Full PDB file with SEQRES, HELIX, SHEET, SSBOND, CRYST1, ORIGX, SCALE, CONECT and MASTER records, all heavy atoms in Angstrom:
SEQRES   1 A   42  ALA LEU GLN ALA LYS TYR GLY GLN GLY MET ALA ILE GLU          
SEQRES   2 A   42  ASN CYS LEU GLN THR ASN GLY THR LEU LEU THR ASP GLU          
SEQRES   3 A   42  TRP CYS LYS PHE LEU HIS ASP ASN ASN TRP LEU VAL GLY          
SEQRES   4 A   42  LEU SER ILE                                                  
HELIX    1 AA1 LEU A    2  TYR A    6  1                                   5    
HELIX    2 AA2 ASP A   25  ASP A   33  1                                   9    
SHEET    1 AA1 2 CYS A  15  THR A  18  0                                        
SHEET    2 AA1 2 LEU A  37  LEU A  40  1                                        
CRYST1    1.000    1.000    1.000  90.00  90.00  90.00 P 1           1          
ORIGX1      1.000000  0.000000  0.000000        0.00000                         
ORIGX2      0.000000  1.000000  0.000000        0.00000                         
ORIGX3      0.000000  0.000000  1.000000        0.00000                         
SCALE1      1.000000  0.000000  0.000000        0.00000                         
SCALE2      0.000000  1.000000  0.000000        0.00000                         
SCALE3      0.000000  0.000000  1.000000        0.00000                         
ATOM      1  N   ALA A   1     -20.889 -44.177  70.396  1.00  0.00           N  
ATOM      2  CA  ALA A   1     -20.601 -45.150  71.460  1.00  0.00           C  
ATOM      3  C   ALA A   1     -21.848 -45.439  72.290  1.00  0.00           C  
ATOM      4  O   ALA A   1     -22.116 -46.593  72.665  1.00  0.00           O  
ATOM      5  CB  ALA A   1     -19.472 -44.629  72.342  1.00  0.00           C  
ATOM      6  N   LEU A   2     -22.622 -44.412  72.579  1.00  0.00           N  
ATOM      7  CA  LEU A   2     -23.852 -44.592  73.358  1.00  0.00           C  
ATOM      8  C   LEU A   2     -24.911 -45.344  72.552  1.00  0.00           C  
ATOM      9  O   LEU A   2     -25.668 -46.150  73.104  1.00  0.00           O  
ATOM     10  CB  LEU A   2     -24.382 -43.232  73.803  1.00  0.00           C  
ATOM     11  CG  LEU A   2     -23.523 -42.513  74.853  1.00  0.00           C  
ATOM     12  CD1 LEU A   2     -23.948 -41.052  74.984  1.00  0.00           C  
ATOM     13  CD2 LEU A   2     -23.616 -43.220  76.207  1.00  0.00           C  
ATOM     14  N   GLN A   3     -24.971 -45.092  71.273  1.00  0.00           N  
ATOM     15  CA  GLN A   3     -25.894 -45.847  70.421  1.00  0.00           C  
ATOM     16  C   GLN A   3     -25.549 -47.334  70.428  1.00  0.00           C  
ATOM     17  O   GLN A   3     -26.433 -48.191  70.474  1.00  0.00           O  
ATOM     18  CB  GLN A   3     -25.863 -45.289  69.000  1.00  0.00           C  
ATOM     19  CG  GLN A   3     -26.497 -43.913  68.859  1.00  0.00           C  
ATOM     20  CD  GLN A   3     -26.238 -43.282  67.503  1.00  0.00           C  
ATOM     21  OE1 GLN A   3     -25.448 -43.793  66.704  1.00  0.00           O  
ATOM     22  NE2 GLN A   3     -26.892 -42.172  67.217  1.00  0.00           N  
ATOM     23  N   ALA A   4     -24.263 -47.632  70.396  1.00  0.00           N  
ATOM     24  CA  ALA A   4     -23.826 -49.030  70.451  1.00  0.00           C  
ATOM     25  C   ALA A   4     -24.159 -49.658  71.808  1.00  0.00           C  
ATOM     26  O   ALA A   4     -24.552 -50.824  71.888  1.00  0.00           O  
ATOM     27  CB  ALA A   4     -22.328 -49.112  70.177  1.00  0.00           C  
ATOM     28  N   LYS A   5     -24.027 -48.853  72.857  1.00  0.00           N  
ATOM     29  CA  LYS A   5     -24.285 -49.341  74.217  1.00  0.00           C  
ATOM     30  C   LYS A   5     -25.764 -49.688  74.413  1.00  0.00           C  
ATOM     31  O   LYS A   5     -26.096 -50.743  74.973  1.00  0.00           O  
ATOM     32  CB  LYS A   5     -23.858 -48.283  75.228  1.00  0.00           C  
ATOM     33  CG  LYS A   5     -24.166 -48.630  76.682  1.00  0.00           C  
ATOM     34  CD  LYS A   5     -23.718 -47.501  77.612  1.00  0.00           C  
ATOM     35  CE  LYS A   5     -24.074 -47.817  79.066  1.00  0.00           C  
ATOM     36  NZ  LYS A   5     -23.652 -46.707  79.978  1.00  0.00           N  
ATOM     37  N   TYR A   6     -26.647 -48.810  73.970  1.00  0.00           N  
ATOM     38  CA  TYR A   6     -28.073 -48.991  74.238  1.00  0.00           C  
ATOM     39  C   TYR A   6     -28.847 -49.597  73.069  1.00  0.00           C  
ATOM     40  O   TYR A   6     -29.997 -50.001  73.244  1.00  0.00           O  
ATOM     41  CB  TYR A   6     -28.710 -47.645  74.603  1.00  0.00           C  
ATOM     42  CG  TYR A   6     -28.209 -47.089  75.911  1.00  0.00           C  
ATOM     43  CD1 TYR A   6     -27.373 -45.975  75.935  1.00  0.00           C  
ATOM     44  CD2 TYR A   6     -28.559 -47.676  77.125  1.00  0.00           C  
ATOM     45  CE1 TYR A   6     -26.906 -45.448  77.137  1.00  0.00           C  
ATOM     46  CE2 TYR A   6     -28.092 -47.173  78.331  1.00  0.00           C  
ATOM     47  CZ  TYR A   6     -27.273 -46.053  78.328  1.00  0.00           C  
ATOM     48  OH  TYR A   6     -26.809 -45.550  79.525  1.00  0.00           O  
ATOM     49  N   GLY A   7     -28.233 -49.690  71.913  1.00  0.00           N  
ATOM     50  CA  GLY A   7     -28.955 -50.162  70.733  1.00  0.00           C  
ATOM     51  C   GLY A   7     -28.446 -51.472  70.193  1.00  0.00           C  
ATOM     52  O   GLY A   7     -28.466 -51.688  68.974  1.00  0.00           O  
ATOM     53  N   GLN A   8     -28.013 -52.349  71.056  1.00  0.00           N  
ATOM     54  CA  GLN A   8     -27.493 -53.639  70.602  1.00  0.00           C  
ATOM     55  C   GLN A   8     -28.575 -54.402  69.844  1.00  0.00           C  
ATOM     56  O   GLN A   8     -29.695 -54.568  70.331  1.00  0.00           O  
ATOM     57  CB  GLN A   8     -27.002 -54.448  71.795  1.00  0.00           C  
ATOM     58  CG  GLN A   8     -25.822 -53.801  72.508  1.00  0.00           C  
ATOM     59  CD  GLN A   8     -25.334 -54.635  73.687  1.00  0.00           C  
ATOM     60  OE1 GLN A   8     -25.639 -55.813  73.798  1.00  0.00           O  
ATOM     61  NE2 GLN A   8     -24.564 -54.014  74.568  1.00  0.00           N  
ATOM     62  N   GLY A   9     -28.221 -54.851  68.651  1.00  0.00           N  
ATOM     63  CA  GLY A   9     -29.171 -55.572  67.816  1.00  0.00           C  
ATOM     64  C   GLY A   9     -30.016 -54.660  66.946  1.00  0.00           C  
ATOM     65  O   GLY A   9     -30.796 -55.140  66.113  1.00  0.00           O  
ATOM     66  N   MET A  10     -29.885 -53.348  67.127  1.00  0.00           N  
ATOM     67  CA  MET A  10     -30.641 -52.395  66.327  1.00  0.00           C  
ATOM     68  C   MET A  10     -29.822 -51.933  65.117  1.00  0.00           C  
ATOM     69  O   MET A  10     -28.592 -51.879  65.168  1.00  0.00           O  
ATOM     70  CB  MET A  10     -31.008 -51.161  67.163  1.00  0.00           C  
ATOM     71  CG  MET A  10     -31.776 -51.469  68.436  1.00  0.00           C  
ATOM     72  SD  MET A  10     -33.472 -51.949  68.073  1.00  0.00           S  
ATOM     73  CE  MET A  10     -34.173 -51.962  69.730  1.00  0.00           C  
ATOM     74  N   ALA A  11     -30.521 -51.614  64.042  1.00  0.00           N  
ATOM     75  CA  ALA A  11     -29.875 -51.019  62.867  1.00  0.00           C  
ATOM     76  C   ALA A  11     -30.020 -49.503  62.998  1.00  0.00           C  
ATOM     77  O   ALA A  11     -31.100 -48.952  62.789  1.00  0.00           O  
ATOM     78  CB  ALA A  11     -30.531 -51.519  61.590  1.00  0.00           C  
ATOM     79  N   ILE A  12     -28.949 -48.840  63.374  1.00  0.00           N  
ATOM     80  CA  ILE A  12     -28.997 -47.412  63.680  1.00  0.00           C  
ATOM     81  C   ILE A  12     -28.358 -46.600  62.561  1.00  0.00           C  
ATOM     82  O   ILE A  12     -27.250 -46.904  62.116  1.00  0.00           O  
ATOM     83  CB  ILE A  12     -28.314 -47.122  65.031  1.00  0.00           C  
ATOM     84  CG1 ILE A  12     -29.127 -47.760  66.160  1.00  0.00           C  
ATOM     85  CG2 ILE A  12     -28.168 -45.624  65.256  1.00  0.00           C  
ATOM     86  CD1 ILE A  12     -28.520 -47.596  67.541  1.00  0.00           C  
ATOM     87  N   GLU A  13     -29.082 -45.585  62.117  1.00  0.00           N  
ATOM     88  CA  GLU A  13     -28.581 -44.658  61.103  1.00  0.00           C  
ATOM     89  C   GLU A  13     -28.513 -43.263  61.698  1.00  0.00           C  
ATOM     90  O   GLU A  13     -29.274 -42.917  62.598  1.00  0.00           O  
ATOM     91  CB  GLU A  13     -29.501 -44.651  59.878  1.00  0.00           C  
ATOM     92  CG  GLU A  13     -29.609 -45.991  59.168  1.00  0.00           C  
ATOM     93  CD  GLU A  13     -30.571 -45.934  58.001  1.00  0.00           C  
ATOM     94  OE1 GLU A  13     -31.306 -44.932  57.893  1.00  0.00           O  
ATOM     95  OE2 GLU A  13     -30.595 -46.883  57.204  1.00  0.00           O  
ATOM     96  N   ASN A  14     -27.609 -42.465  61.169  1.00  0.00           N  
ATOM     97  CA  ASN A  14     -27.460 -41.087  61.609  1.00  0.00           C  
ATOM     98  C   ASN A  14     -27.506 -40.152  60.417  1.00  0.00           C  
ATOM     99  O   ASN A  14     -26.949 -40.447  59.358  1.00  0.00           O  
ATOM    100  CB  ASN A  14     -26.133 -40.889  62.352  1.00  0.00           C  
ATOM    101  CG  ASN A  14     -26.142 -41.497  63.732  1.00  0.00           C  
ATOM    102  OD1 ASN A  14     -26.638 -40.908  64.692  1.00  0.00           O  
ATOM    103  ND2 ASN A  14     -25.577 -42.710  63.852  1.00  0.00           N  
ATOM    104  N   CYS A  15     -28.169 -39.027  60.614  1.00  0.00           N  
ATOM    105  CA  CYS A  15     -28.233 -37.994  59.593  1.00  0.00           C  
ATOM    106  C   CYS A  15     -27.823 -36.664  60.213  1.00  0.00           C  
ATOM    107  O   CYS A  15     -28.330 -36.285  61.279  1.00  0.00           O  
ATOM    108  CB  CYS A  15     -29.638 -37.893  59.012  1.00  0.00           C  
ATOM    109  SG  CYS A  15     -29.831 -36.551  57.802  1.00  0.00           S  
ATOM    110  N   LEU A  16     -26.910 -35.981  59.570  1.00  0.00           N  
ATOM    111  CA  LEU A  16     -26.418 -34.685  60.041  1.00  0.00           C  
ATOM    112  C   LEU A  16     -26.908 -33.604  59.091  1.00  0.00           C  
ATOM    113  O   LEU A  16     -26.658 -33.661  57.886  1.00  0.00           O  
ATOM    114  CB  LEU A  16     -24.889 -34.684  60.081  1.00  0.00           C  
ATOM    115  CG  LEU A  16     -24.221 -33.390  60.552  1.00  0.00           C  
ATOM    116  CD1 LEU A  16     -24.315 -33.265  62.069  1.00  0.00           C  
ATOM    117  CD2 LEU A  16     -22.761 -33.349  60.108  1.00  0.00           C  
ATOM    118  N   GLN A  17     -27.615 -32.617  59.623  1.00  0.00           N  
ATOM    119  CA  GLN A  17     -28.070 -31.499  58.809  1.00  0.00           C  
ATOM    120  C   GLN A  17     -27.154 -30.308  59.065  1.00  0.00           C  
ATOM    121  O   GLN A  17     -26.958 -29.905  60.210  1.00  0.00           O  
ATOM    122  CB  GLN A  17     -29.530 -31.172  59.133  1.00  0.00           C  
ATOM    123  CG  GLN A  17     -30.451 -32.347  58.814  1.00  0.00           C  
ATOM    124  CD  GLN A  17     -31.918 -32.014  58.944  1.00  0.00           C  
ATOM    125  OE1 GLN A  17     -32.295 -30.897  59.270  1.00  0.00           O  
ATOM    126  NE2 GLN A  17     -32.775 -32.983  58.666  1.00  0.00           N  
ATOM    127  N   THR A  18     -26.602 -29.742  57.983  1.00  0.00           N  
ATOM    128  CA  THR A  18     -25.544 -28.747  58.144  1.00  0.00           C  
ATOM    129  C   THR A  18     -25.526 -27.755  56.987  1.00  0.00           C  
ATOM    130  O   THR A  18     -25.978 -28.069  55.882  1.00  0.00           O  
ATOM    131  CB  THR A  18     -24.172 -29.453  58.235  1.00  0.00           C  
ATOM    132  OG1 THR A  18     -23.124 -28.471  58.291  1.00  0.00           O  
ATOM    133  CG2 THR A  18     -23.921 -30.345  57.025  1.00  0.00           C  
ATOM    134  N   ASN A  19     -24.990 -26.574  57.261  1.00  0.00           N  
ATOM    135  CA  ASN A  19     -24.752 -25.624  56.166  1.00  0.00           C  
ATOM    136  C   ASN A  19     -23.426 -25.900  55.459  1.00  0.00           C  
ATOM    137  O   ASN A  19     -23.126 -25.298  54.436  1.00  0.00           O  
ATOM    138  CB  ASN A  19     -24.817 -24.174  56.664  1.00  0.00           C  
ATOM    139  CG  ASN A  19     -23.792 -23.855  57.744  1.00  0.00           C  
ATOM    140  OD1 ASN A  19     -22.614 -24.176  57.630  1.00  0.00           O  
ATOM    141  ND2 ASN A  19     -24.241 -23.196  58.805  1.00  0.00           N  
ATOM    142  N   GLY A  20     -22.625 -26.804  56.022  1.00  0.00           N  
ATOM    143  CA  GLY A  20     -21.410 -27.276  55.352  1.00  0.00           C  
ATOM    144  C   GLY A  20     -20.192 -26.393  55.496  1.00  0.00           C  
ATOM    145  O   GLY A  20     -19.074 -26.815  55.154  1.00  0.00           O  
ATOM    146  N   THR A  21     -20.344 -25.184  56.008  1.00  0.00           N  
ATOM    147  CA  THR A  21     -19.222 -24.239  55.982  1.00  0.00           C  
ATOM    148  C   THR A  21     -18.114 -24.601  56.957  1.00  0.00           C  
ATOM    149  O   THR A  21     -16.996 -24.092  56.832  1.00  0.00           O  
ATOM    150  CB  THR A  21     -19.713 -22.810  56.281  1.00  0.00           C  
ATOM    151  OG1 THR A  21     -20.320 -22.774  57.583  1.00  0.00           O  
ATOM    152  CG2 THR A  21     -20.723 -22.354  55.234  1.00  0.00           C  
ATOM    153  N   LEU A  22     -18.397 -25.474  57.926  1.00  0.00           N  
ATOM    154  CA  LEU A  22     -17.387 -25.872  58.904  1.00  0.00           C  
ATOM    155  C   LEU A  22     -16.829 -27.276  58.634  1.00  0.00           C  
ATOM    156  O   LEU A  22     -15.986 -27.759  59.400  1.00  0.00           O  
ATOM    157  CB  LEU A  22     -17.972 -25.823  60.327  1.00  0.00           C  
ATOM    158  CG  LEU A  22     -18.478 -24.453  60.796  1.00  0.00           C  
ATOM    159  CD1 LEU A  22     -19.082 -24.553  62.196  1.00  0.00           C  
ATOM    160  CD2 LEU A  22     -17.356 -23.421  60.780  1.00  0.00           C  
ATOM    161  N   LEU A  23     -17.272 -27.910  57.570  1.00  0.00           N  
ATOM    162  CA  LEU A  23     -16.784 -29.255  57.260  1.00  0.00           C  
ATOM    163  C   LEU A  23     -15.322 -29.221  56.823  1.00  0.00           C  
ATOM    164  O   LEU A  23     -14.884 -28.316  56.113  1.00  0.00           O  
ATOM    165  CB  LEU A  23     -17.639 -29.896  56.169  1.00  0.00           C  
ATOM    166  CG  LEU A  23     -19.082 -30.262  56.556  1.00  0.00           C  
ATOM    167  CD1 LEU A  23     -19.775 -30.941  55.387  1.00  0.00           C  
ATOM    168  CD2 LEU A  23     -19.119 -31.163  57.790  1.00  0.00           C  
ATOM    169  N   THR A  24     -14.590 -30.238  57.265  1.00  0.00           N  
ATOM    170  CA  THR A  24     -13.170 -30.384  56.953  1.00  0.00           C  
ATOM    171  C   THR A  24     -12.915 -31.806  56.470  1.00  0.00           C  
ATOM    172  O   THR A  24     -13.817 -32.656  56.464  1.00  0.00           O  
ATOM    173  CB  THR A  24     -12.319 -30.133  58.207  1.00  0.00           C  
ATOM    174  OG1 THR A  24     -12.686 -31.118  59.204  1.00  0.00           O  
ATOM    175  CG2 THR A  24     -12.547 -28.720  58.767  1.00  0.00           C  
ATOM    176  N   ASP A  25     -11.664 -32.085  56.105  1.00  0.00           N  
ATOM    177  CA  ASP A  25     -11.300 -33.456  55.759  1.00  0.00           C  
ATOM    178  C   ASP A  25     -11.587 -34.404  56.912  1.00  0.00           C  
ATOM    179  O   ASP A  25     -12.108 -35.511  56.712  1.00  0.00           O  
ATOM    180  CB  ASP A  25      -9.817 -33.525  55.385  1.00  0.00           C  
ATOM    181  CG  ASP A  25      -9.547 -33.001  53.981  1.00  0.00           C  
ATOM    182  OD1 ASP A  25      -9.652 -33.786  53.032  1.00  0.00           O  
ATOM    183  OD2 ASP A  25      -9.242 -31.798  53.845  1.00  0.00           O  
ATOM    184  N   GLU A  26     -11.232 -33.982  58.129  1.00  0.00           N  
ATOM    185  CA  GLU A  26     -11.464 -34.837  59.295  1.00  0.00           C  
ATOM    186  C   GLU A  26     -12.953 -35.120  59.481  1.00  0.00           C  
ATOM    187  O   GLU A  26     -13.357 -36.261  59.744  1.00  0.00           O  
ATOM    188  CB  GLU A  26     -10.900 -34.176  60.554  1.00  0.00           C  
ATOM    189  CG  GLU A  26     -11.032 -35.062  61.795  1.00  0.00           C  
ATOM    190  CD  GLU A  26     -10.546 -34.382  63.062  1.00  0.00           C  
ATOM    191  OE1 GLU A  26     -10.260 -33.168  63.020  1.00  0.00           O  
ATOM    192  OE2 GLU A  26     -10.470 -35.067  64.104  1.00  0.00           O  
ATOM    193  N   TRP A  27     -13.769 -34.088  59.340  1.00  0.00           N  
ATOM    194  CA  TRP A  27     -15.213 -34.271  59.472  1.00  0.00           C  
ATOM    195  C   TRP A  27     -15.730 -35.266  58.432  1.00  0.00           C  
ATOM    196  O   TRP A  27     -16.488 -36.192  58.754  1.00  0.00           O  
ATOM    197  CB  TRP A  27     -15.921 -32.927  59.274  1.00  0.00           C  
ATOM    198  CG  TRP A  27     -16.383 -32.263  60.539  1.00  0.00           C  
ATOM    199  CD1 TRP A  27     -15.896 -31.118  61.094  1.00  0.00           C  
ATOM    200  CD2 TRP A  27     -17.441 -32.703  61.396  1.00  0.00           C  
ATOM    201  NE1 TRP A  27     -16.585 -30.817  62.255  1.00  0.00           N  
ATOM    202  CE2 TRP A  27     -17.537 -31.771  62.455  1.00  0.00           C  
ATOM    203  CE3 TRP A  27     -18.316 -33.783  61.373  1.00  0.00           C  
ATOM    204  CZ2 TRP A  27     -18.471 -31.886  63.482  1.00  0.00           C  
ATOM    205  CZ3 TRP A  27     -19.250 -33.911  62.393  1.00  0.00           C  
ATOM    206  CH2 TRP A  27     -19.324 -32.979  63.429  1.00  0.00           C  
ATOM    207  N   CYS A  28     -15.337 -35.085  57.204  1.00  0.00           N  
ATOM    208  CA  CYS A  28     -15.887 -35.912  56.133  1.00  0.00           C  
ATOM    209  C   CYS A  28     -15.384 -37.350  56.212  1.00  0.00           C  
ATOM    210  O   CYS A  28     -16.116 -38.283  55.852  1.00  0.00           O  
ATOM    211  CB  CYS A  28     -15.581 -35.288  54.776  1.00  0.00           C  
ATOM    212  SG  CYS A  28     -16.498 -33.748  54.505  1.00  0.00           S  
ATOM    213  N   LYS A  29     -14.172 -37.545  56.692  1.00  0.00           N  
ATOM    214  CA  LYS A  29     -13.693 -38.911  56.927  1.00  0.00           C  
ATOM    215  C   LYS A  29     -14.527 -39.577  58.014  1.00  0.00           C  
ATOM    216  O   LYS A  29     -14.905 -40.751  57.900  1.00  0.00           O  
ATOM    217  CB  LYS A  29     -12.220 -38.909  57.320  1.00  0.00           C  
ATOM    218  CG  LYS A  29     -11.626 -40.309  57.454  1.00  0.00           C  
ATOM    219  CD  LYS A  29     -10.144 -40.264  57.773  1.00  0.00           C  
ATOM    220  CE  LYS A  29      -9.540 -41.667  57.734  1.00  0.00           C  
ATOM    221  NZ  LYS A  29     -10.208 -42.623  58.635  1.00  0.00           N  
ATOM    222  N   PHE A  30     -14.826 -38.836  59.069  1.00  0.00           N  
ATOM    223  CA  PHE A  30     -15.680 -39.350  60.143  1.00  0.00           C  
ATOM    224  C   PHE A  30     -17.056 -39.726  59.601  1.00  0.00           C  
ATOM    225  O   PHE A  30     -17.597 -40.800  59.909  1.00  0.00           O  
ATOM    226  CB  PHE A  30     -15.809 -38.298  61.250  1.00  0.00           C  
ATOM    227  CG  PHE A  30     -16.926 -38.566  62.220  1.00  0.00           C  
ATOM    228  CD1 PHE A  30     -16.747 -39.441  63.274  1.00  0.00           C  
ATOM    229  CD2 PHE A  30     -18.163 -37.930  62.073  1.00  0.00           C  
ATOM    230  CE1 PHE A  30     -17.792 -39.698  64.169  1.00  0.00           C  
ATOM    231  CE2 PHE A  30     -19.205 -38.171  62.961  1.00  0.00           C  
ATOM    232  CZ  PHE A  30     -19.015 -39.059  64.006  1.00  0.00           C  
ATOM    233  N   LEU A  31     -17.641 -38.867  58.798  1.00  0.00           N  
ATOM    234  CA  LEU A  31     -18.977 -39.123  58.249  1.00  0.00           C  
ATOM    235  C   LEU A  31     -18.974 -40.355  57.353  1.00  0.00           C  
ATOM    236  O   LEU A  31     -19.888 -41.187  57.402  1.00  0.00           O  
ATOM    237  CB  LEU A  31     -19.453 -37.893  57.468  1.00  0.00           C  
ATOM    238  CG  LEU A  31     -19.680 -36.623  58.299  1.00  0.00           C  
ATOM    239  CD1 LEU A  31     -19.858 -35.420  57.386  1.00  0.00           C  
ATOM    240  CD2 LEU A  31     -20.873 -36.782  59.226  1.00  0.00           C  
ATOM    241  N   HIS A  32     -17.923 -40.491  56.543  1.00  0.00           N  
ATOM    242  CA  HIS A  32     -17.817 -41.661  55.670  1.00  0.00           C  
ATOM    243  C   HIS A  32     -17.606 -42.932  56.479  1.00  0.00           C  
ATOM    244  O   HIS A  32     -18.284 -43.949  56.257  1.00  0.00           O  
ATOM    245  CB  HIS A  32     -16.665 -41.483  54.690  1.00  0.00           C  
ATOM    246  CG  HIS A  32     -16.339 -42.742  53.941  1.00  0.00           C  
ATOM    247  ND1 HIS A  32     -15.374 -43.649  54.386  1.00  0.00           N  
ATOM    248  CD2 HIS A  32     -16.856 -43.267  52.795  1.00  0.00           C  
ATOM    249  CE1 HIS A  32     -15.325 -44.653  53.551  1.00  0.00           C  
ATOM    250  NE2 HIS A  32     -16.200 -44.459  52.580  1.00  0.00           N  
ATOM    251  N   ASP A  33     -16.669 -42.894  57.410  1.00  0.00           N  
ATOM    252  CA  ASP A  33     -16.312 -44.098  58.161  1.00  0.00           C  
ATOM    253  C   ASP A  33     -17.484 -44.629  58.974  1.00  0.00           C  
ATOM    254  O   ASP A  33     -17.566 -45.830  59.249  1.00  0.00           O  
ATOM    255  CB  ASP A  33     -15.131 -43.815  59.089  1.00  0.00           C  
ATOM    256  CG  ASP A  33     -13.830 -43.586  58.318  1.00  0.00           C  
ATOM    257  OD1 ASP A  33     -13.809 -43.844  57.095  1.00  0.00           O  
ATOM    258  OD2 ASP A  33     -12.851 -43.128  58.946  1.00  0.00           O  
ATOM    259  N   ASN A  34     -18.405 -43.727  59.367  1.00  0.00           N  
ATOM    260  CA  ASN A  34     -19.544 -44.142  60.185  1.00  0.00           C  
ATOM    261  C   ASN A  34     -20.854 -44.179  59.406  1.00  0.00           C  
ATOM    262  O   ASN A  34     -21.923 -44.351  59.992  1.00  0.00           O  
ATOM    263  CB  ASN A  34     -19.669 -43.216  61.395  1.00  0.00           C  
ATOM    264  CG  ASN A  34     -18.501 -43.382  62.349  1.00  0.00           C  
ATOM    265  OD1 ASN A  34     -18.427 -44.346  63.095  1.00  0.00           O  
ATOM    266  ND2 ASN A  34     -17.560 -42.438  62.303  1.00  0.00           N  
ATOM    267  N   ASN A  35     -20.729 -44.019  58.090  1.00  0.00           N  
ATOM    268  CA  ASN A  35     -21.871 -44.169  57.185  1.00  0.00           C  
ATOM    269  C   ASN A  35     -23.009 -43.207  57.514  1.00  0.00           C  
ATOM    270  O   ASN A  35     -24.180 -43.588  57.538  1.00  0.00           O  
ATOM    271  CB  ASN A  35     -22.380 -45.615  57.204  1.00  0.00           C  
ATOM    272  CG  ASN A  35     -23.236 -45.932  55.991  1.00  0.00           C  
ATOM    273  OD1 ASN A  35     -23.023 -45.396  54.912  1.00  0.00           O  
ATOM    274  ND2 ASN A  35     -24.215 -46.797  56.175  1.00  0.00           N  
ATOM    275  N   TRP A  36     -22.672 -41.950  57.777  1.00  0.00           N  
ATOM    276  CA  TRP A  36     -23.678 -40.942  58.070  1.00  0.00           C  
ATOM    277  C   TRP A  36     -24.173 -40.299  56.779  1.00  0.00           C  
ATOM    278  O   TRP A  36     -23.400 -40.049  55.852  1.00  0.00           O  
ATOM    279  CB  TRP A  36     -23.103 -39.857  58.984  1.00  0.00           C  
ATOM    280  CG  TRP A  36     -23.032 -40.264  60.433  1.00  0.00           C  
ATOM    281  CD1 TRP A  36     -22.774 -41.513  60.916  1.00  0.00           C  
ATOM    282  CD2 TRP A  36     -23.188 -39.415  61.563  1.00  0.00           C  
ATOM    283  NE1 TRP A  36     -22.765 -41.501  62.289  1.00  0.00           N  
ATOM    284  CE2 TRP A  36     -23.017 -40.218  62.713  1.00  0.00           C  
ATOM    285  CE3 TRP A  36     -23.449 -38.056  61.722  1.00  0.00           C  
ATOM    286  CZ2 TRP A  36     -23.109 -39.699  64.004  1.00  0.00           C  
ATOM    287  CZ3 TRP A  36     -23.535 -37.540  63.002  1.00  0.00           C  
ATOM    288  CH2 TRP A  36     -23.372 -38.353  64.132  1.00  0.00           C  
ATOM    289  N   LEU A  37     -25.465 -40.018  56.758  1.00  0.00           N  
ATOM    290  CA  LEU A  37     -26.059 -39.247  55.672  1.00  0.00           C  
ATOM    291  C   LEU A  37     -25.998 -37.769  56.045  1.00  0.00           C  
ATOM    292  O   LEU A  37     -26.182 -37.401  57.211  1.00  0.00           O  
ATOM    293  CB  LEU A  37     -27.517 -39.668  55.468  1.00  0.00           C  
ATOM    294  CG  LEU A  37     -28.339 -38.865  54.452  1.00  0.00           C  
ATOM    295  CD1 LEU A  37     -27.813 -39.074  53.035  1.00  0.00           C  
ATOM    296  CD2 LEU A  37     -29.814 -39.258  54.545  1.00  0.00           C  
ATOM    297  N   VAL A  38     -25.773 -36.920  55.061  1.00  0.00           N  
ATOM    298  CA  VAL A  38     -25.697 -35.472  55.304  1.00  0.00           C  
ATOM    299  C   VAL A  38     -26.785 -34.761  54.522  1.00  0.00           C  
ATOM    300  O   VAL A  38     -26.986 -35.021  53.331  1.00  0.00           O  
ATOM    301  CB  VAL A  38     -24.311 -34.920  54.896  1.00  0.00           C  
ATOM    302  CG1 VAL A  38     -24.312 -33.392  54.914  1.00  0.00           C  
ATOM    303  CG2 VAL A  38     -23.240 -35.457  55.831  1.00  0.00           C  
ATOM    304  N   GLY A  39     -27.497 -33.889  55.209  1.00  0.00           N  
ATOM    305  CA  GLY A  39     -28.423 -32.970  54.560  1.00  0.00           C  
ATOM    306  C   GLY A  39     -27.743 -31.617  54.479  1.00  0.00           C  
ATOM    307  O   GLY A  39     -27.462 -30.999  55.505  1.00  0.00           O  
ATOM    308  N   LEU A  40     -27.423 -31.183  53.271  1.00  0.00           N  
ATOM    309  CA  LEU A  40     -26.638 -29.968  53.072  1.00  0.00           C  
ATOM    310  C   LEU A  40     -27.530 -28.819  52.607  1.00  0.00           C  
ATOM    311  O   LEU A  40     -28.227 -28.930  51.600  1.00  0.00           O  
ATOM    312  CB  LEU A  40     -25.539 -30.216  52.039  1.00  0.00           C  
ATOM    313  CG  LEU A  40     -24.595 -29.040  51.754  1.00  0.00           C  
ATOM    314  CD1 LEU A  40     -23.720 -28.745  52.969  1.00  0.00           C  
ATOM    315  CD2 LEU A  40     -23.734 -29.331  50.533  1.00  0.00           C  
ATOM    316  N   SER A  41     -27.494 -27.716  53.337  1.00  0.00           N  
ATOM    317  CA  SER A  41     -28.268 -26.533  52.962  1.00  0.00           C  
ATOM    318  C   SER A  41     -27.543 -25.779  51.848  1.00  0.00           C  
ATOM    319  O   SER A  41     -26.433 -25.291  52.045  1.00  0.00           O  
ATOM    320  CB  SER A  41     -28.451 -25.616  54.171  1.00  0.00           C  
ATOM    321  OG  SER A  41     -29.199 -26.261  55.182  1.00  0.00           O  
ATOM    322  N   ILE A  42     -28.185 -25.720  50.701  1.00  0.00           N  
ATOM    323  CA  ILE A  42     -27.600 -25.013  49.567  1.00  0.00           C  
ATOM    324  C   ILE A  42     -28.749 -24.519  48.689  1.00  0.00           C  
ATOM    325  O   ILE A  42     -29.638 -25.297  48.321  1.00  0.00           O  
ATOM    326  CB  ILE A  42     -26.607 -25.912  48.793  1.00  0.00           C  
ATOM    327  CG1 ILE A  42     -26.004 -25.160  47.610  1.00  0.00           C  
ATOM    328  CG2 ILE A  42     -27.241 -27.220  48.370  1.00  0.00           C  
ATOM    329  CD1 ILE A  42     -24.808 -25.899  46.995  1.00  0.00           C  
TER     330      ILE A  42                                                      
MASTER        0    0    0    2    2    0    0    6  329    1    0    4          
END                                                                             
């Protein structure tokens, strides 16, 4: 929401770096719906 507020007209991407052990269906739906890239430690 803050990115939308201050970044009008900008192409904003988000990347989440995670070990993945806390990811759930809800998390992954959120990541997909908002087009986030994930860096997974494995």
